Amino acid sequence: MHKMQRMLRIGGFAVFTASLVSGCMSGGAVGLIDDPLDGFPPYGEIGPEDAVAVILSLQDDPLLVLLDIRTQGEVEAGHIPGAVNLDFRSATFESELPALDRELIYLIYCRTANRSGQVFDLMAQTGLTRLYDLQGGIRLWGELGYPICVGPLGEEHRCVGEYPSPPAGV
């Protein structure tokens, strides 16, 4: 099995649970399907609040891959808990894309959503259809107080911020 595919299937990502989800479709994406999972926003661009809802709704579900496309140094300086890394600036980046599992849901992000917008289109062109692009990137994510961890992926690291509590009775 291809190295990236094996890494994504093994799981090195932990995700959480919740409810409420909405979003909007990216106008520039190619080949996306119109039928996301029940109760989820259409695939495409998604704001941080909706990304939190998707992440929390798919707690411990290996269907969701939180994909940080920044360099290793950027990832170690701060990443969303449970993320895996596929470096957009790597010489092998484009050759890694066709090996990604088409059945998974990818929530991709970078620092400000510039690179992730480009990657979103590249992933869609390779036939991936279950794609979310975190608008505002990890910069806006952190400004909103959502969790960010510092340190290498897969190792113990320090995290700050938190997910919002679900509404009472949920």
Protein backbone atom coordinates (compact mmCIF):
# COMPACT_ATOMS: atom_id res chain seq x y z
CA MET A 1 0.00 0.00 0.00
CA HIS A 2 1.27 3.48 -0.83
CA LYS A 3 2.95 5.27 2.11
CA MET A 4 0.47 8.22 2.31
CA GLN A 5 -2.54 5.96 1.86
CA ARG A 6 -1.26 3.66 4.63
CA MET A 7 -0.66 6.64 6.93
CA LEU A 8 -4.18 7.96 6.34
CA ARG A 9 -5.82 4.55 6.84
CA ILE A 10 -3.85 3.78 10.00
CA GLY A 11 -5.32 6.78 11.59
CA GLY A 12 -2.77 9.22 13.08
CA PHE A 13 -5.69 11.59 13.29
CA ALA A 14 -8.15 11.95 16.16
CA VAL A 15 -11.37 13.77 15.57
CA PHE A 16 -14.23 14.70 17.89
CA THR A 17 -18.14 14.94 18.01
CA ALA A 18 -21.09 17.43 17.72
CA SER A 19 -24.02 18.49 15.59
CA LEU A 20 -25.01 21.60 13.63
CA VAL A 21 -23.46 21.92 10.16
CA SER A 22 -23.86 24.32 7.25
CA GLY A 23 -21.65 25.74 4.53
CA CYS A 24 -21.27 26.87 0.96
CA MET A 25 -19.98 25.41 -2.27
CA SER A 26 -16.77 26.63 -3.87
CA GLY A 27 -17.43 28.01 -7.31
CA GLY A 28 -14.06 26.99 -8.75
CA ALA A 29 -13.97 23.32 -7.81
CA VAL A 30 -14.21 20.68 -10.49
CA GLY A 31 -15.93 17.32 -10.36
CA LEU A 32 -17.43 17.54 -6.88
CA ILE A 33 -20.42 15.41 -5.96
CA ASP A 34 -23.64 17.04 -4.81
CA ASP A 35 -24.51 14.56 -2.09
CA PRO A 36 -22.45 14.93 1.07
CA LEU A 37 -23.31 12.83 4.11
CA ASP A 38 -26.75 13.56 5.56
CA GLY A 39 -26.73 16.76 7.58
CA PHE A 40 -23.40 17.98 6.26
CA PRO A 41 -22.77 21.05 4.12
CA PRO A 42 -22.06 20.70 0.42
CA TYR A 43 -18.42 19.93 -0.26
CA GLY A 44 -16.34 23.00 -1.01
CA GLU A 45 -15.32 26.02 1.00
CA ILE A 46 -16.26 25.86 4.66
CA GLY A 47 -15.87 28.43 7.44
CA PRO A 48 -14.16 27.62 10.75
CA GLU A 49 -17.43 27.26 12.68
CA ASP A 50 -18.75 24.74 10.16
CA ALA A 51 -15.38 22.95 10.09
CA VAL A 52 -15.62 22.55 13.87
CA ALA A 53 -19.08 21.01 13.44
CA VAL A 54 -17.80 18.57 10.79
CA ILE A 55 -14.80 17.62 12.94
CA LEU A 56 -16.89 17.17 16.06
CA SER A 57 -19.58 15.24 14.20
CA LEU A 58 -17.08 12.68 12.93
CA GLN A 59 -15.35 11.91 16.26
CA ASP A 60 -13.19 8.84 16.01
CA ASP A 61 -14.46 8.18 12.48
CA PRO A 62 -11.60 7.28 10.13
CA LEU A 63 -13.72 8.64 7.26
CA LEU A 64 -12.48 12.18 8.02
CA VAL A 65 -8.92 13.23 7.24
CA LEU A 66 -7.78 16.60 8.53
CA LEU A 67 -5.10 17.40 5.95
CA ASP A 68 -2.55 20.12 6.74
CA ILE A 69 -0.79 20.96 3.49
CA ARG A 70 1.91 23.21 4.94
CA THR A 71 5.61 22.45 5.41
CA GLN A 72 6.74 20.31 8.33
CA GLY A 73 8.15 23.37 10.11
CA GLU A 74 4.84 25.22 9.78
CA VAL A 75 2.93 22.17 11.04
CA GLU A 76 5.20 21.82 14.07
CA ALA A 77 4.72 25.54 14.85
CA GLY A 78 0.95 24.96 15.16
CA HIS A 79 -1.60 22.52 13.74
CA ILE A 80 -5.19 21.43 14.33
CA PRO A 81 -5.33 18.39 16.64
CA GLY A 82 -5.57 15.15 14.70
CA ALA A 83 -4.14 16.52 11.45
CA VAL A 84 -1.92 14.62 9.05
CA ASN A 85 0.53 16.38 6.76
CA LEU A 86 0.97 16.37 3.00
CA ASP A 87 3.41 19.18 2.16
CA PHE A 88 2.21 21.21 -0.84
CA ARG A 89 5.77 22.41 -1.42
CA SER A 90 7.23 18.90 -1.50
CA ALA A 91 8.70 17.71 -4.82
CA THR A 92 6.47 14.61 -4.60
CA PHE A 93 3.23 16.39 -3.68
CA GLU A 94 1.39 16.06 -7.00
CA SER A 95 2.43 12.43 -7.40
CA GLU A 96 0.96 11.66 -3.93
CA LEU A 97 -2.53 12.95 -4.80
CA PRO A 98 -3.72 10.10 -7.06
CA ALA A 99 -2.97 7.59 -4.27
CA LEU A 100 -5.36 9.22 -1.78
CA ASP A 101 -8.42 7.15 -0.87
CA ARG A 102 -11.48 8.44 -2.77
CA GLU A 103 -13.88 7.16 -0.09
CA LEU A 104 -12.52 9.48 2.61
CA ILE A 105 -13.62 13.02 3.42
CA TYR A 106 -10.73 15.50 3.35
CA LEU A 107 -10.84 18.77 5.27
CA ILE A 108 -7.77 20.62 3.99
CA TYR A 109 -6.16 23.70 5.42
CA CYS A 110 -3.05 25.86 5.30
CA ARG A 111 -2.15 29.15 6.97
CA THR A 112 -4.66 31.49 5.26
CA ALA A 113 -6.51 29.35 2.65
CA ASN A 114 -4.32 30.43 -0.27
CA ARG A 115 -2.46 27.14 -0.76
CA SER A 116 -5.47 25.06 0.31
CA GLY A 117 -7.56 26.69 -2.42
CA GLN A 118 -5.00 25.60 -5.00
CA VAL A 119 -4.77 22.11 -3.49
CA PHE A 120 -8.57 21.84 -3.37
CA ASP A 121 -8.68 22.30 -7.15
CA LEU A 122 -5.79 19.87 -7.73
CA MET A 123 -7.43 17.22 -5.55
CA ALA A 124 -10.75 17.64 -7.36
CA GLN A 125 -8.97 17.28 -10.71
CA THR A 126 -7.56 13.92 -9.59
CA GLY A 127 -11.07 12.63 -8.91
CA LEU A 128 -11.41 13.30 -5.18
CA THR A 129 -14.94 14.50 -4.51
CA ARG A 130 -15.34 14.67 -0.73
CA LEU A 131 -13.39 17.85 -0.09
CA TYR A 132 -13.74 20.72 2.35
CA ASP A 133 -11.42 23.74 2.22
CA LEU A 134 -11.09 25.60 5.56
CA GLN A 135 -11.53 29.27 4.76
CA GLY A 136 -9.27 31.63 6.69
CA GLY A 137 -6.87 28.77 7.37
CA ILE A 138 -5.30 28.00 10.70
CA ARG A 139 -4.68 31.72 11.25
CA LEU A 140 -8.41 32.46 11.54
CA TRP A 141 -8.97 29.13 13.33
CA GLY A 142 -6.57 30.26 16.07
CA GLU A 143 -8.00 33.79 16.23
CA LEU A 144 -11.37 32.21 17.03
CA GLY A 145 -9.82 30.30 19.93
CA TYR A 146 -10.15 26.80 18.46
CA PRO A 147 -7.52 24.24 19.45
CA ILE A 148 -4.01 24.42 18.01
CA CYS A 149 -1.20 22.06 18.98
CA VAL A 150 2.52 22.82 18.80
CA GLY A 151 5.06 20.10 18.07
CA PRO A 152 5.61 17.24 15.64
CA LEU A 153 2.60 15.23 14.48
CA GLY A 154 2.25 11.86 16.18
CA GLU A 155 4.22 12.93 19.24
CA GLU A 156 3.19 14.46 22.53
CA HIS A 157 2.75 18.19 22.15
CA ARG A 158 1.23 21.23 23.80
CA CYS A 159 -2.25 22.43 22.75
CA VAL A 160 -4.10 25.68 23.41
CA GLY A 161 -7.68 26.68 22.69
CA GLU A 162 -10.76 24.49 22.75
CA TYR A 163 -13.78 23.40 20.81
CA PRO A 164 -17.07 25.00 21.82
CA SER A 165 -19.33 23.01 24.10
CA PRO A 166 -22.33 21.45 22.37
CA PRO A 167 -25.65 23.11 23.18
CA ALA A 168 -27.42 21.78 26.29
CA GLY A 169 -29.47 18.67 25.60
CA VAL A 170 -27.38 17.54 22.62
